[in-house]
Protein backbone atom coordinates (compact mmCIF):
# COMPACT_ATOMS: atom_id res chain seq x y z
CA MET A 1 -17.00 -36.09 20.81
CA MET A 2 -17.59 -38.54 23.18
CA ARG A 3 -15.52 -35.58 25.93
CA ALA A 4 -18.73 -33.13 24.02
CA ALA A 5 -21.41 -35.88 24.59
CA CYS A 6 -20.06 -36.18 28.10
CA HIS A 7 -19.91 -32.57 28.34
CA LEU A 8 -15.83 -32.99 29.42
CA LYS A 9 -13.45 -30.26 28.85
CA LEU A 10 -12.99 -30.55 25.23
CA ASN A 11 -8.40 -30.03 24.98
CA LEU A 12 -9.01 -28.81 21.55
CA THR A 13 -5.48 -28.85 19.46
CA PRO A 14 -5.52 -27.14 15.62
CA GLU A 15 -5.37 -31.46 14.37
CA SER A 16 -8.36 -32.64 16.73
CA ALA A 17 -10.48 -29.42 16.04
CA VAL A 18 -10.37 -29.07 12.49
CA HIS A 19 -10.80 -33.52 12.41
CA THR A 20 -14.09 -32.72 15.81
CA LEU A 21 -14.80 -29.61 13.18
CA GLN A 22 -15.54 -31.76 10.07
CA ALA A 23 -17.68 -34.51 12.04
CA SER A 24 -19.68 -32.24 14.01
CA LYS A 25 -21.40 -30.00 10.24
CA MET A 26 -21.59 -34.12 8.84
CA TYR A 27 -23.91 -35.15 11.55
CA LEU A 28 -25.22 -31.45 12.47
CA ILE A 29 -24.05 -30.84 16.12
CA GLU A 30 -24.04 -27.19 15.42
CA LYS A 31 -23.43 -26.54 19.49
CA LEU A 32 -20.42 -28.62 19.48
CA GLU A 33 -19.45 -26.56 15.58
CA ARG A 34 -19.30 -23.15 16.34
CA TYR A 35 -17.57 -24.28 19.73
CA CYS A 36 -14.23 -25.81 17.04
CA ALA A 37 -15.04 -22.50 14.97
CA ASP A 38 -14.64 -20.38 17.68
CA TYR A 39 -11.53 -22.70 18.17
CA LEU A 40 -10.32 -22.21 14.57
CA TYR A 41 -10.66 -18.08 14.44
CA GLY A 42 -9.15 -17.89 18.04
CA LEU A 43 -5.13 -19.22 16.48
CA LYS A 44 -2.08 -17.25 15.77
CA ASP A 45 0.14 -18.58 16.22
CA CYS A 46 1.94 -19.93 12.91
CA THR A 47 2.92 -23.24 14.24
CA GLN A 48 -0.37 -24.39 14.76
CA ILE A 49 -1.88 -22.69 11.66
CA LEU A 50 -0.01 -24.55 9.45
CA GLN A 51 -0.50 -27.71 11.77
CA ALA A 52 -5.10 -26.63 11.37
CA MET A 53 -4.70 -26.13 7.51
CA THR A 54 -2.69 -29.17 6.85
CA ALA A 55 -5.20 -31.49 8.64
CA ALA A 56 -7.73 -29.62 7.34
CA ALA A 57 -5.84 -31.03 3.72
CA LYS A 58 -4.93 -34.43 4.58
CA SER A 59 -8.80 -34.87 5.43
CA CYS A 60 -9.71 -32.54 1.72
CA PHE A 61 -11.60 -30.29 3.84
CA CYS A 62 -12.26 -26.56 2.89
CA PHE A 63 -12.52 -23.52 5.42
CA VAL A 64 -15.42 -21.14 4.83
CA GLN A 65 -13.84 -18.14 3.56
CA GLU A 66 -13.87 -15.80 6.82
CA LEU A 67 -11.11 -17.82 8.33
CA HIS A 68 -9.34 -19.47 4.89
CA ARG A 69 -7.88 -15.62 4.67
CA HIS A 70 -7.52 -15.15 7.85
CA TYR A 71 -5.07 -17.73 8.03
CA TRP A 72 -2.97 -16.78 4.32
CA THR A 73 -2.73 -13.22 5.88
CA ASN A 74 -1.55 -14.28 9.07
CA ILE A 75 1.28 -16.71 7.10
CA LEU A 76 2.39 -13.33 4.92
CA LEU A 77 2.22 -11.54 7.78
CA GLN A 78 4.67 -14.25 10.48
CA SER A 79 6.80 -15.09 6.93
CA SER A 80 9.85 -16.10 8.75
CA LYS A 81 8.44 -17.60 11.47
CA VAL A 82 6.38 -19.44 9.00
CA LEU A 83 9.71 -20.70 7.81
CA ALA A 84 11.24 -21.96 11.27
CA SER A 85 7.97 -23.42 12.57
CA PRO A 86 8.29 -26.82 13.22
CA ALA A 87 5.05 -26.83 11.47
CA PHE A 88 7.05 -26.52 7.71
CA GLN A 89 8.36 -29.69 7.81
CA VAL A 90 5.62 -31.32 7.78
CA ALA A 91 3.02 -29.01 5.76
CA HIS A 92 0.67 -30.42 3.46
CA GLY A 93 1.92 -29.87 0.16
CA LEU A 94 -0.95 -27.35 -0.95
CA ILE A 95 0.62 -25.45 1.39
CA ILE A 96 3.93 -25.13 0.22
CA ASP A 97 3.48 -24.87 -3.20
CA GLN A 98 1.43 -21.98 -2.73
CA LEU A 99 3.53 -20.45 -0.80
CA ILE A 100 6.55 -20.64 -3.15
CA LYS A 101 4.51 -18.86 -5.50
CA LEU A 102 4.06 -15.88 -3.54
CA ASP A 103 6.11 -12.76 -3.83
CA GLU A 104 4.87 -11.84 -0.87
CA PHE A 105 6.63 -13.92 0.58
CA ASP A 106 9.20 -12.10 2.52
CA VAL A 107 11.77 -15.04 3.70
CA ASN A 108 15.50 -15.47 2.99
CA GLU A 109 16.14 -17.28 -0.62
CA ASP A 110 18.72 -19.51 1.13
CA ASP A 111 16.97 -20.03 4.62
CA LEU A 112 13.48 -21.21 1.91
CA TRP A 113 15.88 -23.87 -0.04
CA SER A 114 17.24 -25.38 3.30
CA CYS A 115 13.40 -26.06 4.44
CA LEU A 116 11.87 -26.86 1.17
CA VAL A 117 14.88 -30.15 0.60
CA ALA A 118 14.13 -30.90 4.69
CA TRP A 119 10.60 -30.83 3.38
CA SER A 120 11.42 -33.17 0.58
CA ALA A 121 12.48 -35.72 2.55
CA ASN A 122 10.48 -36.15 4.52
CA ALA A 123 7.74 -35.99 2.36
CA VAL A 124 9.65 -38.95 0.73
CA ARG A 125 9.24 -40.52 4.01
CA GLN A 126 5.25 -39.53 4.12
CA PRO A 127 3.11 -39.32 0.55
CA GLU A 128 0.60 -38.07 2.19
CA ILE A 129 1.65 -35.01 2.65
CA LEU A 130 2.84 -34.30 -0.80
CA GLY A 131 -0.77 -32.81 -2.61
CA PRO A 132 0.25 -31.83 -6.21
CA PHE A 133 3.47 -33.34 -5.83
CA ALA A 134 2.50 -36.58 -5.79
CA ASN A 135 2.00 -37.00 -9.63
CA THR A 136 6.18 -36.04 -9.97
CA THR A 137 7.17 -39.24 -7.33
CA GLU A 138 5.15 -41.93 -8.30
CA GLU A 139 6.60 -41.19 -12.14
CA VAL A 140 10.67 -41.53 -10.82
CA VAL A 141 9.13 -44.71 -8.57
CA LYS A 142 8.35 -46.18 -11.19
CA ARG A 143 10.78 -45.44 -13.72
CA SER A 144 12.87 -46.56 -10.98
CA LYS A 145 11.32 -50.25 -10.66
CA THR A 146 12.16 -51.55 -14.08
CA GLU A 147 15.86 -50.07 -14.05
CA GLY A 148 16.31 -51.95 -10.42
CA GLN A 149 17.00 -49.69 -8.15
CA GLU A 150 17.64 -49.75 -4.17
CA SER A 151 15.32 -48.10 -2.38
CA GLY A 152 17.41 -45.50 -0.82
CA ALA A 153 18.43 -44.18 -4.84
CA HIS A 154 15.10 -43.73 -5.91
CA GLU A 155 14.62 -41.80 -2.93
CA VAL A 156 17.33 -39.33 -3.52
CA ALA A 157 15.90 -39.41 -6.87
CA GLN A 158 11.94 -37.94 -6.29
CA GLN A 159 13.09 -36.36 -3.80
CA THR A 160 15.74 -34.86 -6.41
CA ALA A 161 12.40 -34.67 -8.76
CA ILE A 162 9.84 -32.62 -6.02
CA LEU A 163 12.80 -29.82 -5.97
CA ARG A 164 13.58 -29.72 -9.53
CA LEU A 165 9.49 -29.10 -10.09
CA MET A 166 9.78 -26.37 -7.17
CA SER A 167 12.87 -24.69 -8.75
CA GLN A 168 10.27 -22.74 -11.58
CA HIS A 169 9.38 -20.60 -8.41
CA ILE A 170 12.37 -20.22 -6.35
CA ARG A 171 15.36 -17.43 -6.69
CA PHE A 172 18.04 -19.06 -6.99
CA GLY A 173 20.50 -15.99 -8.27
CA ALA A 174 18.85 -14.06 -4.83
CA MET A 175 21.19 -17.24 -3.36
CA THR A 176 24.12 -16.93 -1.86
CA LYS A 177 27.01 -18.25 -3.98
CA GLU A 178 28.00 -20.80 -2.09
CA LYS A 179 24.46 -22.25 -1.42
CA PHE A 180 23.52 -22.48 -4.39
CA PHE A 181 26.67 -24.37 -5.12
CA ASP A 182 26.49 -26.14 -1.83
CA GLN A 183 22.72 -27.16 -1.40
CA ALA A 184 20.80 -26.35 -4.66
CA ARG A 185 23.29 -27.53 -7.71
CA VAL A 186 23.00 -30.91 -6.93
CA HIS A 187 19.40 -30.92 -7.49
CA LEU A 188 18.93 -28.97 -10.70
CA THR A 189 19.05 -29.85 -14.54
CA HIS A 190 21.94 -28.46 -16.28
CA GLU A 191 20.50 -26.19 -18.45
CA GLN A 192 19.38 -24.70 -15.02
CA ASN A 193 23.07 -24.73 -13.52
CA TYR A 194 25.24 -23.24 -16.52
CA GLU A 195 22.40 -19.71 -16.57
CA VAL A 196 22.94 -19.25 -12.58
CA ILE A 197 26.05 -19.74 -12.92
CA GLU A 198 26.22 -16.82 -15.88
CA HIS A 199 23.88 -14.92 -13.75
CA PHE A 200 26.50 -14.78 -11.09
CA TRP A 201 29.91 -14.85 -12.92
CA LEU A 202 28.50 -13.03 -15.68
CA GLY A 203 25.07 -10.71 -15.09
CA ARG A 204 23.66 -12.58 -17.31
CA THR A 205 19.59 -13.11 -16.73
CA PRO A 206 18.81 -16.23 -16.61
CA GLN A 207 15.09 -17.57 -18.67
CA ARG A 208 15.32 -20.83 -17.33
CA VAL A 209 15.20 -19.38 -13.61
CA ARG A 210 14.31 -16.38 -11.58
CA ALA A 211 17.11 -14.09 -10.28
CA SER A 212 15.25 -11.57 -9.06
CA LYS A 213 14.39 -10.85 -5.01
CA ARG A 214 11.21 -11.45 -3.64
CA ALA A 215 9.28 -8.57 -3.45
CA GLY A 216 7.94 -9.25 0.40
CA LEU A 217 4.78 -7.21 2.22
CA VAL A 218 6.58 -3.62 0.73
CA SER A 219 3.33 -2.67 -2.01
CA GLU A 220 4.86 0.07 -4.46
CA PRO A 221 4.47 3.42 -3.57
CA GLU A 222 2.14 5.85 -4.92
CA PRO A 223 0.74 9.47 -4.76
CA VAL A 224 -1.17 9.73 -2.04
CA THR A 225 -3.34 13.24 -1.23
CA VAL A 226 -2.16 15.59 0.79
CA ARG A 227 -3.06 19.09 2.43
CA ILE A 228 -0.49 21.97 3.14
CA ASN A 229 0.20 24.93 5.74
CA THR A 230 2.45 27.01 5.26
CA GLN A 231 4.00 29.25 8.73
CA PRO A 232 3.40 32.33 7.96
CA ALA A 233 -0.13 30.75 6.63
CA ASP A 234 -1.10 31.15 3.14
CA ILE A 235 -3.67 28.64 2.17
CA LYS A 236 -3.89 30.29 -0.73
CA SER A 237 -0.19 29.40 -1.61
CA ALA A 238 -0.08 26.53 -0.06
CA ASP A 239 -2.74 24.49 -2.43
CA ALA A 240 -1.49 25.58 -5.71
CA LEU A 241 2.17 23.57 -3.95
CA VAL A 242 0.22 20.22 -3.73
CA CYS A 243 -0.54 20.42 -7.44
CA GLY A 244 2.50 21.32 -8.67
CA LEU A 245 1.38 24.00 -10.05
CA ALA A 246 4.31 27.31 -11.28
CA SER A 247 2.22 29.65 -11.32
CA CYS A 248 2.82 32.81 -8.76
CA ASP A 249 -0.14 31.64 -6.39
CA GLY A 250 2.19 28.57 -6.17
CA ARG A 251 4.93 29.98 -5.52
CA TRP A 252 7.64 29.38 -2.05
CA THR A 253 10.04 31.16 -1.42
CA PRO A 254 11.76 31.37 2.43
CA LYS A 255 12.96 33.87 3.98
CA THR A 256 13.90 33.12 6.74
CA VAL A 257 14.42 29.58 9.14
CA ASN A 258 11.29 30.65 11.31
CA GLU A 259 9.19 29.89 8.14
CA ALA A 260 8.15 25.56 7.35
CA LEU A 261 5.60 24.35 5.18
CA PHE A 262 2.62 21.63 7.52
CA VAL A 263 1.96 18.94 5.59
CA ARG A 264 -1.03 16.94 6.56
CA MET A 265 -2.03 12.86 4.15
CA ASP A 266 -5.85 12.55 4.66
CA HIS A 267 -5.80 9.00 5.49
CA ASP A 268 -3.25 6.76 7.20
CA ILE A 269 -0.29 5.49 5.17
CA CYS A 270 3.27 4.59 5.50
CA LEU A 271 4.92 7.87 4.44
CA HIS A 272 7.42 6.42 1.36
CA SER A 273 9.06 9.74 0.19
CA LEU A 274 9.33 13.60 -0.51
CA GLU A 275 9.30 15.14 -4.12
CA LEU A 276 10.02 18.95 -3.89
CA ILE A 277 9.89 20.80 -7.01
CA PHE A 278 12.13 24.06 -7.69
CA ALA A 279 12.50 26.72 -9.98
CA PRO A 280 15.14 26.91 -12.79
CA GLU A 281 16.19 30.15 -11.27
CA GLY A 282 17.88 31.18 -7.44
CA GLU A 283 20.24 28.51 -5.19
CA MET A 284 19.09 25.12 -4.08
CA TRP A 285 18.72 25.54 -0.60
CA MET A 286 18.50 22.32 2.22
CA CYS A 287 15.50 21.30 3.90
CA ASN A 288 15.38 18.86 7.42
CA LEU A 289 12.03 16.64 7.21
CA THR A 290 10.56 17.26 11.24
CA LYS A 291 8.21 14.70 12.33
CA GLY A 292 7.93 14.04 16.25
CA GLY A 293 11.82 11.83 17.12
CA LEU A 294 12.39 11.96 13.46
CA TYR A 295 14.38 14.24 12.06
CA VAL A 296 15.71 13.19 8.36
CA ARG A 297 18.78 15.49 6.82
CA MET A 298 17.54 15.68 2.66
CA ASN A 299 20.89 16.21 1.61
CA THR A 300 21.78 12.36 2.95
CA ASN A 301 18.28 10.32 2.87
CA SER A 302 18.07 11.72 -0.93
CA THR A 303 18.84 11.78 -5.03
CA THR A 304 18.55 15.36 -6.65
CA ILE A 305 17.17 14.94 -10.27
CA GLY A 306 17.23 18.42 -12.24
CA ARG A 307 15.86 20.50 -9.61
CA LYS A 308 13.63 18.04 -8.16
CA VAL A 309 14.34 16.64 -5.14
CA ARG A 310 13.61 13.32 -4.14
CA ILE A 311 13.45 12.97 0.40
CA PHE A 312 13.35 8.70 1.67
CA PRO A 313 12.61 9.49 5.64
CA TYR A 314 12.15 5.93 6.48
CA PRO A 315 14.10 2.07 5.44
CA SER A 316 11.61 0.81 2.36
CA ASN A 317 10.63 -1.43 3.89
CA ALA A 318 9.36 -0.05 7.25
CA ASP A 319 5.45 -0.15 8.93
CA VAL A 320 5.34 3.86 9.92
CA VAL A 321 2.20 5.15 9.92
CA ASP A 322 2.07 8.92 9.15
CA LYS A 323 -0.76 12.17 9.83
CA CYS A 324 1.06 15.21 9.31
CA PHE A 325 5.60 16.70 9.27
CA ARG A 326 6.53 19.49 8.65
CA LEU A 327 9.64 20.82 6.28
CA VAL A 328 12.36 23.28 8.23
CA PRO A 329 14.26 25.17 4.84
CA VAL A 330 17.98 25.48 5.86
CA LEU A 331 18.87 28.91 3.96
CA PRO A 332 21.40 29.28 2.05
CA GLN A 333 22.62 32.53 3.63
CA GLU A 334 22.83 30.17 6.96
CA LYS A 335 26.36 27.72 6.19
CA LYS A 336 28.07 31.57 4.74
CA GLU A 337 29.95 33.81 7.13
CA VAL A 338 29.52 37.08 4.67
CA PRO A 339 26.75 36.49 2.44
CA GLU A 340 26.36 37.42 -0.90
CA GLU A 341 24.24 40.45 -2.57
CA ASN A 342 22.68 38.47 -4.84
CA THR A 343 22.51 35.01 -3.29
CA LYS A 344 18.23 34.57 -3.78
CA PRO A 345 17.00 31.22 -2.40
CA VAL A 346 15.27 29.21 -5.31
CA THR A 347 11.29 29.18 -4.96
CA LEU A 348 9.50 26.34 -4.34
CA ILE A 349 7.06 25.51 -6.88
CA GLY A 350 5.23 21.92 -6.44
CA VAL A 351 5.06 18.92 -4.00
CA ARG A 352 4.41 15.24 -4.33
CA VAL A 353 4.33 12.84 -1.45
CA PHE A 354 3.69 9.31 -1.94
CA GLY A 355 2.51 6.94 0.28
CA ARG A 356 3.02 2.33 0.30
CA LYS A 357 -0.29 0.57 2.12
CA ARG A 358 0.53 -0.91 5.37
CA ARG A 359 1.45 -4.40 5.59
CA GLN A 360 -1.65 -5.73 7.14
CA ALA A 361 -3.43 -3.90 4.61
CA TYR A 362 -1.45 -5.44 1.61
CA ALA A 363 -2.02 -8.97 3.15
CA ASN A 364 -5.42 -8.69 3.18
CA GLU A 365 -4.76 -7.61 -0.07
CA VAL A 366 -2.87 -10.55 -1.66
CA VAL A 367 -5.13 -12.77 0.19
CA GLU A 368 -8.46 -11.03 -1.98
CA LYS A 369 -6.69 -12.03 -4.87
CA LEU A 370 -5.16 -15.95 -3.83
CA HIS A 371 -8.52 -16.28 -2.49
CA ALA A 372 -10.44 -14.65 -6.78
CA LEU A 373 -7.50 -17.92 -8.12
CA ARG A 374 -8.63 -20.71 -5.68
CA GLU A 375 -12.34 -19.15 -7.15
CA GLY A 376 -11.12 -19.58 -10.57
CA SER A 377 -9.64 -22.82 -10.26
CA ASP A 378 -12.35 -24.41 -8.76
CA GLU A 379 -15.13 -23.32 -11.07
CA THR A 380 -12.35 -24.80 -14.21
């Protein structure tokens, strides 16, 4: 504030910006308040964001809603970088507590546990970052003093108490066996250890610990509205294919290799899969999905159940936006030296397209839910 009063360059850091913003609000210095707010809004690096959020949590300062959403969205989009950041080791307990609860926090569970072990050791030595874990360590300190334990021993006990409190949100079943036995087992209760061992060796579902892997920023696939054109053009037949109608108008039988289906989506989505529904009569034909440089063979990237074929063009976590693509049939006659007279390609009677939300859009949605929960807890 003195540098601002003397019209000198402020040289802000994430921590000083938070403290200066807090003071400028208190003393109604609007120009300085706007300057600090602009600086904080401009932060995109996850290390600086963690530093700013930790400084605010330590001083019990609440960011405005837009800034809060901006920071949490960036954290979710940079999950692996957040874990590798040095600021994670000294982040406030409120941030750590929220992160480990998120199924969308897309990190390796082995790496997360290693970072939590390091964080808990730092938190014991720096009580100001404990946050929601403070009560747990206070109880351990009281008990260790009563029992006459040395300071080093009760620090280890405090760390174990913190990790046990976190354990209900850790996916131990998604860890490697080596990591669990070498680093996690010593901090858990006998009952938790027994259940994880049963899961690893016998495949049983544990009751006291979580076994499933974090989903990350991958939303559930949903049906997508599309428009289909045929080549040669047959708009009436194509519209019926989208609805999956088994009527005479909604049947498409390719007769030559020059025929194709053009599928266009109304919105920018990440294509998850394409389902082709075939009539019960006729010989199944394969097809290739083409889009720019993408070339997918139906027999290598698909699953077949009865007369329904589901094509998966991208990996499940791909963030690729599609607007249109082309399905080119590979007819049975193309594979045979002497075509059989009775061979007839099966008729396609329906097309369904499934898409996922983009990572950015899904992160915004998750943060909105977090904000709603935060407001609800504040009211309570």
